[in-house]
N, C-alpha and C. Protein backbone atom coordinates (compact mmCIF):
# COMPACT_ATOMS: atom_id res chain seq x y z
N UNK A 1 4.75 49.72 27.92
CA UNK A 1 3.89 49.09 26.95
C UNK A 1 2.49 48.99 27.54
N UNK A 2 1.52 49.38 26.80
CA UNK A 2 0.13 49.34 27.25
C UNK A 2 -0.72 48.75 26.14
N UNK A 3 -1.71 47.98 26.52
CA UNK A 3 -2.61 47.40 25.53
C UNK A 3 -3.94 48.11 25.60
N UNK A 4 -4.46 48.46 24.46
CA UNK A 4 -5.75 49.12 24.39
C UNK A 4 -6.64 48.30 23.49
N UNK A 5 -7.79 47.92 23.99
CA UNK A 5 -8.72 47.15 23.19
C UNK A 5 -9.94 48.00 22.91
N UNK A 6 -10.33 48.03 21.69
CA UNK A 6 -11.53 48.78 21.33
C UNK A 6 -12.73 47.86 21.30
N UNK A 7 -13.86 48.38 21.67
CA UNK A 7 -15.08 47.57 21.66
C UNK A 7 -15.58 47.33 20.25
N UNK A 8 -15.30 48.25 19.36
CA UNK A 8 -15.80 48.14 18.00
C UNK A 8 -14.98 47.17 17.17
N UNK A 9 -13.71 46.98 17.53
CA UNK A 9 -12.86 46.09 16.75
C UNK A 9 -12.39 44.95 17.62
N UNK A 10 -12.03 43.82 16.99
CA UNK A 10 -11.56 42.65 17.72
C UNK A 10 -10.04 42.65 17.84
N UNK A 11 -9.36 43.60 17.18
CA UNK A 11 -7.90 43.62 17.18
C UNK A 11 -7.38 44.31 18.43
N UNK A 12 -6.22 43.89 18.90
CA UNK A 12 -5.56 44.50 20.04
C UNK A 12 -4.45 45.40 19.52
N UNK A 13 -4.40 46.63 20.02
CA UNK A 13 -3.37 47.59 19.62
C UNK A 13 -2.38 47.67 20.76
N UNK A 14 -1.09 47.51 20.46
CA UNK A 14 -0.05 47.59 21.47
C UNK A 14 0.67 48.92 21.29
N UNK A 15 0.76 49.70 22.39
CA UNK A 15 1.45 50.99 22.36
C UNK A 15 2.78 50.80 23.07
N UNK A 16 3.89 51.05 22.40
CA UNK A 16 5.23 50.91 22.97
C UNK A 16 5.64 52.19 23.66
N UNK A 17 6.72 52.14 24.44
CA UNK A 17 7.20 53.29 25.21
C UNK A 17 7.60 54.46 24.32
N UNK A 18 8.07 54.18 23.10
CA UNK A 18 8.48 55.25 22.20
C UNK A 18 7.31 55.85 21.43
N UNK A 19 6.11 55.38 21.69
CA UNK A 19 4.93 55.95 21.06
C UNK A 19 4.45 55.21 19.84
N UNK A 20 5.19 54.19 19.34
CA UNK A 20 4.76 53.45 18.16
C UNK A 20 3.70 52.43 18.54
N UNK A 21 2.87 52.10 17.61
CA UNK A 21 1.81 51.12 17.85
C UNK A 21 1.92 49.99 16.84
N UNK A 22 1.51 48.79 17.27
CA UNK A 22 1.51 47.62 16.39
C UNK A 22 0.19 46.90 16.53
N UNK A 23 -0.25 46.32 15.46
CA UNK A 23 -1.45 45.48 15.47
C UNK A 23 -1.10 44.17 14.79
N UNK A 24 -1.51 43.06 15.35
CA UNK A 24 -1.21 41.77 14.72
C UNK A 24 -1.98 41.61 13.42
N UNK A 25 -1.30 41.03 12.44
CA UNK A 25 -1.95 40.79 11.15
C UNK A 25 -2.84 39.56 11.28
N UNK A 26 -4.03 39.64 10.81
CA UNK A 26 -4.99 38.54 10.94
C UNK A 26 -4.60 37.34 10.10
N UNK A 27 -4.04 37.56 8.92
CA UNK A 27 -3.71 36.45 8.03
C UNK A 27 -2.38 35.80 8.31
N UNK A 28 -1.55 36.41 9.14
CA UNK A 28 -0.21 35.87 9.35
C UNK A 28 -0.23 34.55 10.11
N UNK A 29 -1.11 34.39 11.09
CA UNK A 29 -1.15 33.14 11.84
C UNK A 29 -1.69 32.01 10.96
N UNK A 30 -2.66 32.30 10.13
CA UNK A 30 -3.21 31.26 9.25
C UNK A 30 -2.19 30.83 8.21
N UNK A 31 -1.48 31.80 7.66
CA UNK A 31 -0.47 31.44 6.65
C UNK A 31 0.70 30.69 7.28
N UNK A 32 1.06 31.00 8.53
CA UNK A 32 2.15 30.28 9.17
C UNK A 32 1.75 28.83 9.44
N UNK A 33 0.48 28.60 9.77
CA UNK A 33 0.01 27.22 9.96
C UNK A 33 0.03 26.44 8.65
N UNK A 34 -0.33 27.10 7.57
CA UNK A 34 -0.31 26.45 6.26
C UNK A 34 1.12 26.11 5.86
N UNK A 35 2.04 27.04 6.10
CA UNK A 35 3.46 26.79 5.79
C UNK A 35 3.98 25.63 6.62
N UNK A 36 3.64 25.60 7.90
CA UNK A 36 4.06 24.51 8.78
C UNK A 36 3.50 23.17 8.30
N UNK A 37 2.24 23.16 7.91
CA UNK A 37 1.61 21.93 7.41
C UNK A 37 2.29 21.44 6.14
N UNK A 38 2.58 22.37 5.22
CA UNK A 38 3.27 22.00 3.98
C UNK A 38 4.66 21.45 4.29
N UNK A 39 5.35 22.07 5.23
CA UNK A 39 6.69 21.61 5.61
C UNK A 39 6.65 20.19 6.17
N UNK A 40 5.66 19.90 7.02
CA UNK A 40 5.53 18.55 7.59
C UNK A 40 5.22 17.53 6.51
N UNK A 41 4.36 17.87 5.56
CA UNK A 41 4.03 16.96 4.46
C UNK A 41 5.27 16.68 3.61
N UNK A 42 6.08 17.71 3.35
CA UNK A 42 7.30 17.54 2.56
C UNK A 42 8.29 16.63 3.31
N UNK A 43 8.44 16.81 4.61
CA UNK A 43 9.34 15.96 5.40
C UNK A 43 8.89 14.50 5.33
N UNK A 44 7.60 14.24 5.50
CA UNK A 44 7.11 12.86 5.42
C UNK A 44 7.27 12.30 4.01
N UNK A 45 7.14 13.14 3.00
CA UNK A 45 7.37 12.69 1.62
C UNK A 45 8.81 12.24 1.42
N UNK A 46 9.76 13.03 1.91
CA UNK A 46 11.16 12.64 1.81
C UNK A 46 11.42 11.34 2.57
N UNK A 47 10.85 11.21 3.77
CA UNK A 47 11.05 9.99 4.54
C UNK A 47 10.51 8.78 3.79
N UNK A 48 9.36 8.93 3.16
CA UNK A 48 8.77 7.81 2.43
C UNK A 48 9.65 7.40 1.25
N UNK A 49 10.07 8.37 0.44
CA UNK A 49 10.81 8.03 -0.77
C UNK A 49 12.26 7.63 -0.51
N UNK A 50 12.85 8.05 0.61
CA UNK A 50 14.25 7.73 0.84
C UNK A 50 14.47 6.66 1.90
N UNK A 51 13.46 6.30 2.67
CA UNK A 51 13.66 5.23 3.66
C UNK A 51 12.63 4.12 3.56
N UNK A 52 11.37 4.45 3.62
CA UNK A 52 10.33 3.42 3.68
C UNK A 52 10.21 2.66 2.37
N UNK A 53 10.15 3.37 1.26
CA UNK A 53 9.97 2.72 -0.04
C UNK A 53 11.13 1.79 -0.41
N UNK A 54 12.41 2.22 -0.29
CA UNK A 54 13.50 1.29 -0.60
C UNK A 54 13.54 0.08 0.33
N UNK A 55 13.17 0.28 1.61
CA UNK A 55 13.17 -0.84 2.54
C UNK A 55 12.11 -1.87 2.15
N UNK A 56 10.93 -1.41 1.78
CA UNK A 56 9.88 -2.34 1.34
C UNK A 56 10.29 -3.09 0.08
N UNK A 57 10.93 -2.39 -0.85
CA UNK A 57 11.38 -3.04 -2.09
C UNK A 57 12.42 -4.12 -1.77
N UNK A 58 13.34 -3.83 -0.85
CA UNK A 58 14.35 -4.81 -0.47
C UNK A 58 13.71 -6.02 0.20
N UNK A 59 12.71 -5.79 1.06
CA UNK A 59 12.01 -6.91 1.70
C UNK A 59 11.29 -7.78 0.68
N UNK A 60 10.65 -7.16 -0.30
CA UNK A 60 9.95 -7.92 -1.33
C UNK A 60 10.94 -8.73 -2.17
N UNK A 61 12.09 -8.15 -2.51
CA UNK A 61 13.10 -8.87 -3.28
C UNK A 61 13.65 -10.06 -2.49
N UNK A 62 13.89 -9.86 -1.19
CA UNK A 62 14.39 -10.95 -0.35
C UNK A 62 13.36 -12.06 -0.25
N UNK A 63 12.09 -11.70 -0.08
CA UNK A 63 11.03 -12.71 0.00
C UNK A 63 10.92 -13.51 -1.29
N UNK A 64 11.01 -12.82 -2.45
CA UNK A 64 10.96 -13.53 -3.73
C UNK A 64 12.14 -14.48 -3.88
N UNK A 65 13.33 -14.02 -3.45
CA UNK A 65 14.53 -14.87 -3.53
C UNK A 65 14.37 -16.11 -2.67
N UNK A 66 13.86 -15.95 -1.44
CA UNK A 66 13.68 -17.09 -0.55
C UNK A 66 12.65 -18.08 -1.09
N UNK A 67 11.59 -17.58 -1.71
CA UNK A 67 10.57 -18.47 -2.26
C UNK A 67 11.08 -19.20 -3.50
N UNK A 68 12.03 -18.63 -4.21
CA UNK A 68 12.54 -19.24 -5.43
C UNK A 68 13.68 -20.23 -5.18
N UNK A 69 14.23 -20.27 -3.97
CA UNK A 69 15.34 -21.19 -3.69
C UNK A 69 14.87 -22.64 -3.77
N UNK A 70 15.71 -23.48 -4.40
CA UNK A 70 15.38 -24.89 -4.59
C UNK A 70 16.56 -25.75 -4.17
N UNK A 71 16.33 -27.04 -4.15
CA UNK A 71 17.36 -28.00 -3.80
C UNK A 71 18.53 -27.88 -4.76
N UNK A 72 19.74 -27.91 -4.20
CA UNK A 72 20.95 -27.86 -5.01
C UNK A 72 21.55 -26.46 -5.16
N UNK A 73 20.83 -25.42 -4.74
CA UNK A 73 21.36 -24.06 -4.86
C UNK A 73 22.29 -23.76 -3.68
N UNK A 74 23.33 -23.00 -3.96
CA UNK A 74 24.32 -22.64 -2.93
C UNK A 74 23.90 -21.32 -2.29
N UNK A 75 23.90 -21.31 -0.94
CA UNK A 75 23.43 -20.14 -0.21
C UNK A 75 24.45 -19.70 0.83
N UNK A 76 24.21 -18.50 1.40
CA UNK A 76 24.99 -17.96 2.51
C UNK A 76 23.99 -17.56 3.59
N UNK A 77 24.29 -17.92 4.85
CA UNK A 77 23.42 -17.51 5.95
C UNK A 77 23.95 -16.23 6.57
N UNK A 78 23.13 -15.61 7.44
CA UNK A 78 23.58 -14.39 8.09
C UNK A 78 24.68 -14.64 9.11
N UNK A 79 24.95 -15.89 9.45
CA UNK A 79 26.06 -16.23 10.33
C UNK A 79 27.34 -16.48 9.54
N UNK A 80 27.27 -16.40 8.22
CA UNK A 80 28.44 -16.59 7.38
C UNK A 80 28.68 -18.03 7.00
N UNK A 81 27.68 -18.87 7.12
CA UNK A 81 27.81 -20.28 6.78
C UNK A 81 27.43 -20.46 5.31
N UNK A 82 28.34 -21.11 4.58
CA UNK A 82 28.11 -21.42 3.17
C UNK A 82 27.63 -22.85 3.08
N UNK A 83 26.63 -23.10 2.24
CA UNK A 83 26.13 -24.45 2.10
C UNK A 83 25.27 -24.62 0.87
N UNK A 84 24.90 -25.86 0.60
CA UNK A 84 24.05 -26.21 -0.52
C UNK A 84 22.73 -26.74 0.03
N UNK A 85 21.62 -26.26 -0.51
CA UNK A 85 20.31 -26.69 -0.02
C UNK A 85 20.11 -28.17 -0.35
N UNK A 86 19.79 -28.95 0.70
CA UNK A 86 19.54 -30.37 0.53
C UNK A 86 18.04 -30.66 0.55
N UNK A 87 17.31 -29.99 1.45
CA UNK A 87 15.87 -30.17 1.57
C UNK A 87 15.23 -28.82 1.87
N UNK A 88 14.07 -28.57 1.26
CA UNK A 88 13.34 -27.33 1.51
C UNK A 88 12.11 -27.66 2.35
N UNK A 89 12.01 -27.01 3.52
CA UNK A 89 10.84 -27.14 4.38
C UNK A 89 10.03 -25.85 4.28
N UNK A 90 8.88 -25.83 4.95
CA UNK A 90 8.01 -24.66 4.88
C UNK A 90 8.68 -23.42 5.48
N UNK A 91 9.38 -23.60 6.59
CA UNK A 91 9.98 -22.45 7.27
C UNK A 91 11.50 -22.53 7.42
N UNK A 92 12.11 -23.55 6.82
CA UNK A 92 13.56 -23.71 6.97
C UNK A 92 14.14 -24.50 5.80
N UNK A 93 15.48 -24.58 5.81
CA UNK A 93 16.21 -25.37 4.83
C UNK A 93 17.14 -26.32 5.57
N UNK A 94 17.35 -27.49 4.98
CA UNK A 94 18.39 -28.40 5.44
C UNK A 94 19.53 -28.20 4.46
N UNK A 95 20.68 -27.72 4.98
CA UNK A 95 21.79 -27.44 4.07
C UNK A 95 22.96 -28.36 4.38
N UNK A 96 23.75 -28.59 3.35
CA UNK A 96 24.95 -29.41 3.48
C UNK A 96 26.15 -28.50 3.24
N UNK A 97 27.09 -28.50 4.19
CA UNK A 97 28.28 -27.66 4.06
C UNK A 97 29.36 -28.40 3.29
N UNK A 98 30.46 -27.71 2.98
CA UNK A 98 31.55 -28.33 2.23
C UNK A 98 32.20 -29.48 2.98
N UNK A 99 32.16 -29.46 4.31
CA UNK A 99 32.76 -30.54 5.09
C UNK A 99 31.88 -31.79 5.11
N UNK A 100 30.67 -31.68 4.60
CA UNK A 100 29.78 -32.83 4.53
C UNK A 100 28.74 -32.85 5.63
N UNK A 101 28.85 -31.97 6.60
CA UNK A 101 27.86 -31.95 7.67
C UNK A 101 26.59 -31.28 7.18
N UNK A 102 25.48 -31.63 7.83
CA UNK A 102 24.20 -31.02 7.47
C UNK A 102 23.68 -30.24 8.66
N UNK A 103 22.96 -29.18 8.37
CA UNK A 103 22.33 -28.41 9.44
C UNK A 103 21.05 -27.80 8.92
N UNK A 104 20.15 -27.57 9.84
CA UNK A 104 18.87 -26.97 9.48
C UNK A 104 18.92 -25.49 9.86
N UNK A 105 18.60 -24.61 8.92
CA UNK A 105 18.62 -23.18 9.17
C UNK A 105 17.25 -22.60 8.82
N UNK A 106 16.86 -21.57 9.54
CA UNK A 106 15.60 -20.89 9.26
C UNK A 106 15.71 -20.13 7.95
N UNK A 107 14.59 -20.00 7.26
CA UNK A 107 14.61 -19.28 5.99
C UNK A 107 15.03 -17.83 6.16
N UNK A 108 14.62 -17.18 7.27
CA UNK A 108 14.97 -15.79 7.48
C UNK A 108 16.47 -15.60 7.68
N UNK A 109 17.21 -16.69 8.00
CA UNK A 109 18.65 -16.60 8.23
C UNK A 109 19.44 -16.62 6.93
N UNK A 110 18.80 -16.91 5.82
CA UNK A 110 19.49 -16.94 4.53
C UNK A 110 19.52 -15.51 3.98
N UNK A 111 20.73 -15.03 3.68
CA UNK A 111 20.85 -13.67 3.17
C UNK A 111 21.02 -13.60 1.66
N UNK A 112 21.36 -14.70 1.04
CA UNK A 112 21.49 -14.67 -0.41
C UNK A 112 22.12 -15.92 -0.98
N UNK A 113 22.24 -15.90 -2.30
CA UNK A 113 22.90 -16.99 -3.00
C UNK A 113 24.40 -16.73 -3.05
N UNK A 114 25.16 -17.81 -3.14
CA UNK A 114 26.61 -17.65 -3.29
C UNK A 114 26.92 -17.16 -4.69
N UNK A 115 27.90 -16.27 -4.78
CA UNK A 115 28.35 -15.81 -6.08
C UNK A 115 29.21 -16.89 -6.71
N UNK A 116 29.06 -17.03 -8.01
CA UNK A 116 29.88 -18.01 -8.74
C UNK A 116 31.32 -17.53 -8.73
N UNK A 117 32.20 -18.38 -8.24
CA UNK A 117 33.62 -18.03 -8.20
C UNK A 117 34.26 -18.37 -9.54
N UNK A 118 35.08 -17.47 -10.08
CA UNK A 118 35.77 -17.80 -11.33
C UNK A 118 36.80 -18.90 -11.08
N UNK A 119 37.09 -19.64 -12.12
CA UNK A 119 38.05 -20.72 -12.03
C UNK A 119 39.42 -20.16 -11.64
N UNK A 120 40.10 -20.88 -10.74
CA UNK A 120 41.41 -20.42 -10.27
C UNK A 120 42.43 -20.60 -11.38
N UNK A 121 43.30 -19.61 -11.53
CA UNK A 121 44.37 -19.69 -12.54
C UNK A 121 45.58 -20.37 -11.95
N UNK A 122 46.14 -21.33 -12.68
CA UNK A 122 47.31 -22.06 -12.16
C UNK A 122 48.57 -21.48 -12.70
């Protein structure tokens, strides 16, 4: 393989052992960069719509739920504690459990409201 460069042209001609010659296409590197850029944009688009956007929506829904909680509502904490809100503080709740004990839990520890249980059939 031998490379021959001409002074009149900026292209490099490669001569192979079998006598064939090749010249690089000028537009191929630019088009490959454009394809790579489009591919990266598409990947970030998928990441946004399938991970970031649903996570933000869930955070907003949780924040709205926490702000709407009031005294007397039944909640569940992330530790699995069921209780009824007795007092609402700025950053926490004082809850009363079924056994009658009270405890203070952080607002971020509340994962949701208790589902209404249907009446037991006798």
